[in-house]
Amino acid sequence: MLRVPSNFHLTLARGVRITCKDAAARLPARDRRWEIRSAGTGSKGARWYAWAWLATASPRHYLLSRRHLATSELAFCYCSSPKDSRCR
């Protein structure tokens, strides 16, 4: 997993080249692809975020988007899976 900026370009499964920020914008906040999960307990209590897992054109690479529930701040990770894994 590699943290990437919002202007990082990737190619989605349908061959569309797009930035991470634009990919996340295509998923409305209430879209069912956003899953609310805890990122653990921090110094101020539980840290809850909405997470979305998007496929890319590569069968081994994915974009993991994290959205803060209160501020809607976004963070992105470009993920790679081992050759023989089944992430889809």
PDB file of N, CA and C in Angstrom:
ATOM      1  N   MET A   1       0.848  -1.160   0.000  1.00  0.00           N
ATOM      2  CA  MET A   1       0.000   0.000   0.000  1.00  0.00           C
ATOM      3  C   MET A   1       0.896   1.225   0.000  1.00  0.00           C
ATOM      4  N   LEU A   2       0.550   2.176  -0.842  1.00  0.00           N
ATOM      5  CA  LEU A   2       1.308   3.411  -0.981  1.00  0.00           C
ATOM      6  C   LEU A   2       0.346   4.586  -0.910  1.00  0.00           C
ATOM      7  N   ARG A   3       0.578   5.490   0.012  1.00  0.00           N
ATOM      8  CA  ARG A   3      -0.253   6.692   0.120  1.00  0.00           C
ATOM      9  C   ARG A   3       0.047   7.582  -1.074  1.00  0.00           C
ATOM     10  N   VAL A   4      -0.969   8.046  -1.762  1.00  0.00           N
ATOM     11  CA  VAL A   4      -0.790   8.874  -2.963  1.00  0.00           C
ATOM     12  C   VAL A   4      -1.601  10.155  -2.834  1.00  0.00           C
ATOM     13  N   PRO A   5      -1.185  11.222  -3.552  1.00  0.00           N
ATOM     14  CA  PRO A   5      -1.930  12.483  -3.496  1.00  0.00           C
ATOM     15  C   PRO A   5      -3.213  12.419  -4.320  1.00  0.00           C
ATOM     16  N   SER A   6      -4.070  13.378  -4.115  1.00  0.00           N
ATOM     17  CA  SER A   6      -5.360  13.400  -4.809  1.00  0.00           C
ATOM     18  C   SER A   6      -5.210  13.597  -6.320  1.00  0.00           C
ATOM     19  N   ASN A   7      -4.079  14.146  -6.770  1.00  0.00           N
ATOM     20  CA  ASN A   7      -3.881  14.354  -8.210  1.00  0.00           C
ATOM     21  C   ASN A   7      -3.128  13.192  -8.869  1.00  0.00           C
ATOM     22  N   PHE A   8      -2.947  12.092  -8.162  1.00  0.00           N
ATOM     23  CA  PHE A   8      -2.322  10.889  -8.719  1.00  0.00           C
ATOM     24  C   PHE A   8      -3.244  10.311  -9.786  1.00  0.00           C
ATOM     25  N   HIS A   9      -2.705  10.003 -10.959  1.00  0.00           N
ATOM     26  CA  HIS A   9      -3.507   9.457 -12.059  1.00  0.00           C
ATOM     27  C   HIS A   9      -3.476   7.933 -12.057  1.00  0.00           C
ATOM     28  N   LEU A  10      -4.623   7.342 -12.350  1.00  0.00           N
ATOM     29  CA  LEU A  10      -4.721   5.896 -12.491  1.00  0.00           C
ATOM     30  C   LEU A  10      -5.731   5.596 -13.579  1.00  0.00           C
ATOM     31  N   THR A  11      -5.677   4.370 -14.078  1.00  0.00           N
ATOM     32  CA  THR A  11      -6.617   3.942 -15.103  1.00  0.00           C
ATOM     33  C   THR A  11      -7.607   2.984 -14.475  1.00  0.00           C
ATOM     34  N   LEU A  12      -8.887   3.314 -14.524  1.00  0.00           N
ATOM     35  CA  LEU A  12      -9.927   2.478 -13.939  1.00  0.00           C
ATOM     36  C   LEU A  12     -10.182   1.250 -14.805  1.00  0.00           C
ATOM     37  N   ALA A  13     -10.944   0.326 -14.274  1.00  0.00           N
ATOM     38  CA  ALA A  13     -11.206  -0.942 -14.949  1.00  0.00           C
ATOM     39  C   ALA A  13     -11.809  -0.763 -16.338  1.00  0.00           C
ATOM     40  N   ARG A  14     -12.549   0.297 -16.568  1.00  0.00           N
ATOM     41  CA  ARG A  14     -13.175   0.526 -17.876  1.00  0.00           C
ATOM     42  C   ARG A  14     -12.257   1.268 -18.846  1.00  0.00           C
ATOM     43  N   GLY A  15     -10.987   1.469 -18.470  1.00  0.00           N
ATOM     44  CA  GLY A  15     -10.028   2.144 -19.333  1.00  0.00           C
ATOM     45  C   GLY A  15     -10.037   3.654 -19.218  1.00  0.00           C
ATOM     46  N   VAL A  16     -10.764   4.207 -18.258  1.00  0.00           N
ATOM     47  CA  VAL A  16     -10.847   5.653 -18.053  1.00  0.00           C
ATOM     48  C   VAL A  16      -9.656   6.109 -17.210  1.00  0.00           C
ATOM     49  N   ARG A  17      -8.884   7.074 -17.722  1.00  0.00           N
ATOM     50  CA  ARG A  17      -7.762   7.632 -16.958  1.00  0.00           C
ATOM     51  C   ARG A  17      -8.294   8.811 -16.149  1.00  0.00           C
ATOM     52  N   ILE A  18      -8.003   8.813 -14.839  1.00  0.00           N
ATOM     53  CA  ILE A  18      -8.646   9.758 -13.930  1.00  0.00           C
ATOM     54  C   ILE A  18      -7.748   9.987 -12.713  1.00  0.00           C
ATOM     55  N   THR A  19      -7.965  11.101 -12.005  1.00  0.00           N
ATOM     56  CA  THR A  19      -7.236  11.331 -10.756  1.00  0.00           C
ATOM     57  C   THR A  19      -7.988  10.665  -9.607  1.00  0.00           C
ATOM     58  N   CYS A  20      -7.293  10.452  -8.507  1.00  0.00           N
ATOM     59  CA  CYS A  20      -7.930   9.849  -7.330  1.00  0.00           C
ATOM     60  C   CYS A  20      -9.101  10.690  -6.843  1.00  0.00           C
ATOM     61  N   LYS A  21      -8.913  12.001  -6.811  1.00  0.00           N
ATOM     62  CA  LYS A  21      -9.970  12.896  -6.340  1.00  0.00           C
ATOM     63  C   LYS A  21     -11.215  12.785  -7.221  1.00  0.00           C
ATOM     64  N   ASP A  22     -11.023  12.728  -8.542  1.00  0.00           N
ATOM     65  CA  ASP A  22     -12.161  12.601  -9.455  1.00  0.00           C
ATOM     66  C   ASP A  22     -12.833  11.233  -9.333  1.00  0.00           C
ATOM     67  N   ALA A  23     -12.042  10.198  -9.080  1.00  0.00           N
ATOM     68  CA  ALA A  23     -12.612   8.855  -8.891  1.00  0.00           C
ATOM     69  C   ALA A  23     -13.508   8.831  -7.656  1.00  0.00           C
ATOM     70  N   ALA A  24     -13.058   9.456  -6.567  1.00  0.00           N
ATOM     71  CA  ALA A  24     -13.862   9.505  -5.340  1.00  0.00           C
ATOM     72  C   ALA A  24     -15.108  10.352  -5.541  1.00  0.00           C
ATOM     73  N   ALA A  25     -15.009  11.401  -6.345  1.00  0.00           N
ATOM     74  CA  ALA A  25     -16.163  12.274  -6.600  1.00  0.00           C
ATOM     75  C   ALA A  25     -17.263  11.539  -7.363  1.00  0.00           C
ATOM     76  N   ARG A  26     -16.903  10.502  -8.090  1.00  0.00           N
ATOM     77  CA  ARG A  26     -17.900   9.712  -8.823  1.00  0.00           C
ATOM     78  C   ARG A  26     -18.735   8.835  -7.894  1.00  0.00           C
ATOM     79  N   LEU A  27     -18.290   8.705  -6.649  1.00  0.00           N
ATOM     80  CA  LEU A  27     -19.032   7.905  -5.670  1.00  0.00           C
ATOM     81  C   LEU A  27     -19.714   8.855  -4.689  1.00  0.00           C
ATOM     82  N   PRO A  28     -20.994   9.095  -4.829  1.00  0.00           N
ATOM     83  CA  PRO A  28     -21.683   9.980  -3.881  1.00  0.00           C
ATOM     84  C   PRO A  28     -21.505   9.480  -2.447  1.00  0.00           C
ATOM     85  N   ALA A  29     -21.579  10.386  -1.500  1.00  0.00           N
ATOM     86  CA  ALA A  29     -21.344  10.046  -0.090  1.00  0.00           C
ATOM     87  C   ALA A  29     -22.255   8.935   0.413  1.00  0.00           C
ATOM     88  N   ARG A  30     -23.447   8.827  -0.127  1.00  0.00           N
ATOM     89  CA  ARG A  30     -24.384   7.795   0.333  1.00  0.00           C
ATOM     90  C   ARG A  30     -24.352   6.530  -0.528  1.00  0.00           C
ATOM     91  N   ASP A  31     -23.398   6.448  -1.435  1.00  0.00           N
ATOM     92  CA  ASP A  31     -23.259   5.264  -2.283  1.00  0.00           C
ATOM     93  C   ASP A  31     -22.910   4.057  -1.415  1.00  0.00           C
ATOM     94  N   ARG A  32     -23.475   2.911  -1.752  1.00  0.00           N
ATOM     95  CA  ARG A  32     -23.255   1.716  -0.933  1.00  0.00           C
ATOM     96  C   ARG A  32     -21.827   1.185  -1.029  1.00  0.00           C
ATOM     97  N   ARG A  33     -21.047   1.691  -2.005  1.00  0.00           N
ATOM     98  CA  ARG A  33     -19.655   1.258  -2.102  1.00  0.00           C
ATOM     99  C   ARG A  33     -18.787   1.862  -1.009  1.00  0.00           C
ATOM    100  N   TRP A  34     -19.267   2.898  -0.335  1.00  0.00           N
ATOM    101  CA  TRP A  34     -18.567   3.439   0.828  1.00  0.00           C
ATOM    102  C   TRP A  34     -18.982   2.596   2.032  1.00  0.00           C
ATOM    103  N   GLU A  35     -18.034   2.003   2.710  1.00  0.00           N
ATOM    104  CA  GLU A  35     -18.311   1.222   3.915  1.00  0.00           C
ATOM    105  C   GLU A  35     -17.739   1.953   5.109  1.00  0.00           C
ATOM    106  N   ILE A  36     -18.542   2.103   6.148  1.00  0.00           N
ATOM    107  CA  ILE A  36     -18.079   2.784   7.353  1.00  0.00           C
ATOM    108  C   ILE A  36     -17.412   1.761   8.254  1.00  0.00           C
ATOM    109  N   ARG A  37     -16.126   2.032   8.555  1.00  0.00           N
ATOM    110  CA  ARG A  37     -15.309   1.136   9.378  1.00  0.00           C
ATOM    111  C   ARG A  37     -14.453   1.970  10.321  1.00  0.00           C
ATOM    112  N   SER A  38     -14.092   1.358  11.428  1.00  0.00           N
ATOM    113  CA  SER A  38     -13.218   2.011  12.395  1.00  0.00           C
ATOM    114  C   SER A  38     -11.762   1.895  11.950  1.00  0.00           C
ATOM    115  N   ALA A  39     -11.008   2.944  12.199  1.00  0.00           N
ATOM    116  CA  ALA A  39      -9.564   2.914  11.972  1.00  0.00           C
ATOM    117  C   ALA A  39      -8.856   2.754  13.318  1.00  0.00           C
ATOM    118  N   GLY A  40      -9.579   2.276  14.320  1.00  0.00           N
ATOM    119  CA  GLY A  40      -9.002   2.066  15.647  1.00  0.00           C
ATOM    120  C   GLY A  40      -9.325   3.205  16.589  1.00  0.00           C
ATOM    121  N   THR A  41      -8.846   3.094  17.784  1.00  0.00           N
ATOM    122  CA  THR A  41      -9.077   4.112  18.804  1.00  0.00           C
ATOM    123  C   THR A  41      -7.891   5.056  18.860  1.00  0.00           C
ATOM    124  N   GLY A  42      -8.160   6.341  18.772  1.00  0.00           N
ATOM    125  CA  GLY A  42      -7.121   7.356  18.872  1.00  0.00           C
ATOM    126  C   GLY A  42      -7.178   8.034  20.231  1.00  0.00           C
ATOM    127  N   SER A  43      -6.395   9.076  20.410  1.00  0.00           N
ATOM    128  CA  SER A  43      -6.354   9.784  21.688  1.00  0.00           C
ATOM    129  C   SER A  43      -7.677  10.471  22.016  1.00  0.00           C
ATOM    130  N   LYS A  44      -8.502  10.728  21.001  1.00  0.00           N
ATOM    131  CA  LYS A  44      -9.799  11.381  21.207  1.00  0.00           C
ATOM    132  C   LYS A  44     -10.962  10.413  21.030  1.00  0.00           C
ATOM    133  N   GLY A  45     -10.684   9.128  21.033  1.00  0.00           N
ATOM    134  CA  GLY A  45     -11.742   8.134  20.904  1.00  0.00           C
ATOM    135  C   GLY A  45     -11.687   7.401  19.578  1.00  0.00           C
ATOM    136  N   ALA A  46     -12.803   6.767  19.243  1.00  0.00           N
ATOM    137  CA  ALA A  46     -12.875   5.958  18.020  1.00  0.00           C
ATOM    138  C   ALA A  46     -12.711   6.843  16.791  1.00  0.00           C
ATOM    139  N   ARG A  47     -12.046   6.307  15.785  1.00  0.00           N
ATOM    140  CA  ARG A  47     -11.825   7.021  14.519  1.00  0.00           C
ATOM    141  C   ARG A  47     -12.583   6.281  13.427  1.00  0.00           C
ATOM    142  N   TRP A  48     -13.749   6.819  13.069  1.00  0.00           N
ATOM    143  CA  TRP A  48     -14.600   6.192  12.058  1.00  0.00           C
ATOM    144  C   TRP A  48     -14.446   6.904  10.728  1.00  0.00           C
ATOM    145  N   TYR A  49     -14.308   6.124   9.663  1.00  0.00           N
ATOM    146  CA  TYR A  49     -14.167   6.654   8.312  1.00  0.00           C
ATOM    147  C   TYR A  49     -15.035   5.848   7.361  1.00  0.00           C
ATOM    148  N   ALA A  50     -15.327   6.434   6.217  1.00  0.00           N
ATOM    149  CA  ALA A  50     -15.966   5.706   5.118  1.00  0.00           C
ATOM    150  C   ALA A  50     -14.849   5.299   4.173  1.00  0.00           C
ATOM    151  N   TRP A  51     -14.866   4.035   3.727  1.00  0.00           N
ATOM    152  CA  TRP A  51     -13.817   3.489   2.874  1.00  0.00           C
ATOM    153  C   TRP A  51     -14.440   2.987   1.578  1.00  0.00           C
ATOM    154  N   ALA A  52     -13.752   3.195   0.464  1.00  0.00           N
ATOM    155  CA  ALA A  52     -14.202   2.678  -0.839  1.00  0.00           C
ATOM    156  C   ALA A  52     -13.018   2.005  -1.530  1.00  0.00           C
ATOM    157  N   TRP A  53     -13.258   0.838  -2.109  1.00  0.00           N
ATOM    158  CA  TRP A  53     -12.250   0.019  -2.780  1.00  0.00           C
ATOM    159  C   TRP A  53     -12.588   0.009  -4.258  1.00  0.00           C
ATOM    160  N   LEU A  54     -11.733   0.593  -5.093  1.00  0.00           N
ATOM    161  CA  LEU A  54     -12.017   0.697  -6.525  1.00  0.00           C
ATOM    162  C   LEU A  54     -11.014  -0.105  -7.337  1.00  0.00           C
ATOM    163  N   ALA A  55     -11.508  -0.858  -8.291  1.00  0.00           N
ATOM    164  CA  ALA A  55     -10.652  -1.636  -9.180  1.00  0.00           C
ATOM    165  C   ALA A  55      -9.997  -0.718 -10.203  1.00  0.00           C
ATOM    166  N   THR A  56      -8.797  -1.090 -10.643  1.00  0.00           N
ATOM    167  CA  THR A  56      -8.115  -0.371 -11.719  1.00  0.00           C
ATOM    168  C   THR A  56      -8.029  -1.298 -12.930  1.00  0.00           C
ATOM    169  N   ALA A  57      -7.409  -0.821 -13.983  1.00  0.00           N
ATOM    170  CA  ALA A  57      -7.252  -1.638 -15.183  1.00  0.00           C
ATOM    171  C   ALA A  57      -6.348  -2.841 -14.924  1.00  0.00           C
ATOM    172  N   SER A  58      -5.462  -2.730 -13.958  1.00  0.00           N
ATOM    173  CA  SER A  58      -4.573  -3.829 -13.593  1.00  0.00           C
ATOM    174  C   SER A  58      -5.295  -4.761 -12.621  1.00  0.00           C
ATOM    175  N   PRO A  59      -5.254  -6.070 -12.848  1.00  0.00           N
ATOM    176  CA  PRO A  59      -5.926  -6.986 -11.914  1.00  0.00           C
ATOM    177  C   PRO A  59      -5.241  -7.064 -10.548  1.00  0.00           C
ATOM    178  N   ARG A  60      -4.072  -6.469 -10.411  1.00  0.00           N
ATOM    179  CA  ARG A  60      -3.328  -6.520  -9.152  1.00  0.00           C
ATOM    180  C   ARG A  60      -3.290  -5.189  -8.410  1.00  0.00           C
ATOM    181  N   HIS A  61      -3.890  -4.127  -8.958  1.00  0.00           N
ATOM    182  CA  HIS A  61      -3.816  -2.812  -8.329  1.00  0.00           C
ATOM    183  C   HIS A  61      -5.211  -2.237  -8.077  1.00  0.00           C
ATOM    184  N   TYR A  62      -5.328  -1.545  -6.943  1.00  0.00           N
ATOM    185  CA  TYR A  62      -6.611  -0.996  -6.499  1.00  0.00           C
ATOM    186  C   TYR A  62      -6.394   0.376  -5.882  1.00  0.00           C
ATOM    187  N   LEU A  63      -7.449   1.154  -5.826  1.00  0.00           N
ATOM    188  CA  LEU A  63      -7.422   2.431  -5.129  1.00  0.00           C
ATOM    189  C   LEU A  63      -8.305   2.298  -3.892  1.00  0.00           C
ATOM    190  N   LEU A  64      -7.728   2.556  -2.735  1.00  0.00           N
ATOM    191  CA  LEU A  64      -8.466   2.564  -1.480  1.00  0.00           C
ATOM    192  C   LEU A  64      -8.646   4.024  -1.086  1.00  0.00           C
ATOM    193  N   SER A  65      -9.894   4.477  -1.028  1.00  0.00           N
ATOM    194  CA  SER A  65     -10.207   5.861  -0.672  1.00  0.00           C
ATOM    195  C   SER A  65     -10.782   5.895   0.736  1.00  0.00           C
ATOM    196  N   ARG A  66     -10.348   6.889   1.506  1.00  0.00           N
ATOM    197  CA  ARG A  66     -10.851   7.063   2.873  1.00  0.00           C
ATOM    198  C   ARG A  66     -11.440   8.458   2.998  1.00  0.00           C
ATOM    199  N   ARG A  67     -12.678   8.529   3.518  1.00  0.00           N
ATOM    200  CA  ARG A  67     -13.370   9.813   3.688  1.00  0.00           C
ATOM    201  C   ARG A  67     -13.714  10.007   5.160  1.00  0.00           C
ATOM    202  N   HIS A  68     -13.289  11.142   5.716  1.00  0.00           N
ATOM    203  CA  HIS A  68     -13.613  11.465   7.103  1.00  0.00           C
ATOM    204  C   HIS A  68     -15.103  11.754   7.202  1.00  0.00           C
ATOM    205  N   LEU A  69     -15.776  11.165   8.168  1.00  0.00           N
ATOM    206  CA  LEU A  69     -17.232  11.299   8.257  1.00  0.00           C
ATOM    207  C   LEU A  69     -17.692  12.711   8.604  1.00  0.00           C
ATOM    208  N   ALA A  70     -16.923  13.434   9.419  1.00  0.00           N
ATOM    209  CA  ALA A  70     -17.352  14.773   9.825  1.00  0.00           C
ATOM    210  C   ALA A  70     -16.933  15.851   8.833  1.00  0.00           C
ATOM    211  N   THR A  71     -15.711  15.766   8.319  1.00  0.00           N
ATOM    212  CA  THR A  71     -15.176  16.827   7.465  1.00  0.00           C
ATOM    213  C   THR A  71     -15.186  16.486   5.978  1.00  0.00           C
ATOM    214  N   SER A  72     -15.416  15.228   5.631  1.00  0.00           N
ATOM    215  CA  SER A  72     -15.366  14.723   4.249  1.00  0.00           C
ATOM    216  C   SER A  72     -13.973  14.814   3.628  1.00  0.00           C
ATOM    217  N   GLU A  73     -12.944  15.023   4.456  1.00  0.00           N
ATOM    218  CA  GLU A  73     -11.565  15.039   3.959  1.00  0.00           C
ATOM    219  C   GLU A  73     -11.234  13.667   3.378  1.00  0.00           C
ATOM    220  N   LEU A  74     -10.553  13.662   2.227  1.00  0.00           N
ATOM    221  CA  LEU A  74     -10.224  12.422   1.540  1.00  0.00           C
ATOM    222  C   LEU A  74      -8.741  12.086   1.667  1.00  0.00           C
ATOM    223  N   ALA A  75      -8.441  10.798   1.690  1.00  0.00           N
ATOM    224  CA  ALA A  75      -7.068  10.288   1.643  1.00  0.00           C
ATOM    225  C   ALA A  75      -7.092   9.076   0.717  1.00  0.00           C
ATOM    226  N   PHE A  76      -5.978   8.828   0.037  1.00  0.00           N
ATOM    227  CA  PHE A  76      -5.932   7.768  -0.959  1.00  0.00           C
ATOM    228  C   PHE A  76      -4.713   6.886  -0.791  1.00  0.00           C
ATOM    229  N   CYS A  77      -4.913   5.588  -1.024  1.00  0.00           N
ATOM    230  CA  CYS A  77      -3.826   4.613  -1.016  1.00  0.00           C
ATOM    231  C   CYS A  77      -3.924   3.782  -2.286  1.00  0.00           C
ATOM    232  N   TYR A  78      -2.794   3.621  -2.952  1.00  0.00           N
ATOM    233  CA  TYR A  78      -2.710   2.780  -4.147  1.00  0.00           C
ATOM    234  C   TYR A  78      -2.210   1.435  -3.659  1.00  0.00           C
ATOM    235  N   CYS A  79      -3.000   0.398  -3.838  1.00  0.00           N
ATOM    236  CA  CYS A  79      -2.712  -0.914  -3.265  1.00  0.00           C
ATOM    237  C   CYS A  79      -2.337  -1.921  -4.337  1.00  0.00           C
ATOM    238  N   SER A  80      -1.433  -2.792  -3.967  1.00  0.00           N
ATOM    239  CA  SER A  80      -0.997  -3.866  -4.855  1.00  0.00           C
ATOM    240  C   SER A  80      -1.210  -5.183  -4.129  1.00  0.00           C
ATOM    241  N   SER A  81      -1.707  -6.167  -4.836  1.00  0.00           N
ATOM    242  CA  SER A  81      -1.918  -7.482  -4.227  1.00  0.00           C
ATOM    243  C   SER A  81      -0.966  -8.499  -4.859  1.00  0.00           C
ATOM    244  N   PRO A  82      -0.601  -9.547  -4.136  1.00  0.00           N
ATOM    245  CA  PRO A  82       0.270 -10.577  -4.689  1.00  0.00           C
ATOM    246  C   PRO A  82      -0.340 -11.182  -5.946  1.00  0.00           C
ATOM    247  N   LYS A  83       0.500 -11.721  -6.801  1.00  0.00           N
ATOM    248  CA  LYS A  83       0.061 -12.251  -8.085  1.00  0.00           C
ATOM    249  C   LYS A  83      -1.068 -13.274  -7.980  1.00  0.00           C
ATOM    250  N   ASP A  84      -1.032 -14.150  -7.018  1.00  0.00           N
ATOM    251  CA  ASP A  84      -2.009 -15.227  -6.922  1.00  0.00           C
ATOM    252  C   ASP A  84      -3.161 -14.953  -5.951  1.00  0.00           C
ATOM    253  N   SER A  85      -3.315 -13.713  -5.468  1.00  0.00           N
ATOM    254  CA  SER A  85      -4.395 -13.436  -4.519  1.00  0.00           C
ATOM    255  C   SER A  85      -5.687 -13.151  -5.253  1.00  0.00           C
ATOM    256  N   ARG A  86      -6.789 -13.237  -4.529  1.00  0.00           N
ATOM    257  CA  ARG A  86      -8.118 -12.986  -5.095  1.00  0.00           C
ATOM    258  C   ARG A  86      -8.786 -11.857  -4.319  1.00  0.00           C
ATOM    259  N   CYS A  87      -8.520 -10.626  -4.702  1.00  0.00           N
ATOM    260  CA  CYS A  87      -9.089  -9.458  -4.011  1.00  0.00           C
ATOM    261  C   CYS A  87     -10.445  -9.076  -4.569  1.00  0.00           C
ATOM    262  N   ARG A  88     -10.757  -9.456  -5.762  1.00  0.00           N
ATOM    263  CA  ARG A  88     -12.010  -9.032  -6.381  1.00  0.00           C
ATOM    264  C   ARG A  88     -13.105  -9.838  -5.870  1.00  0.00           C
TER     265      ARG A  88
END
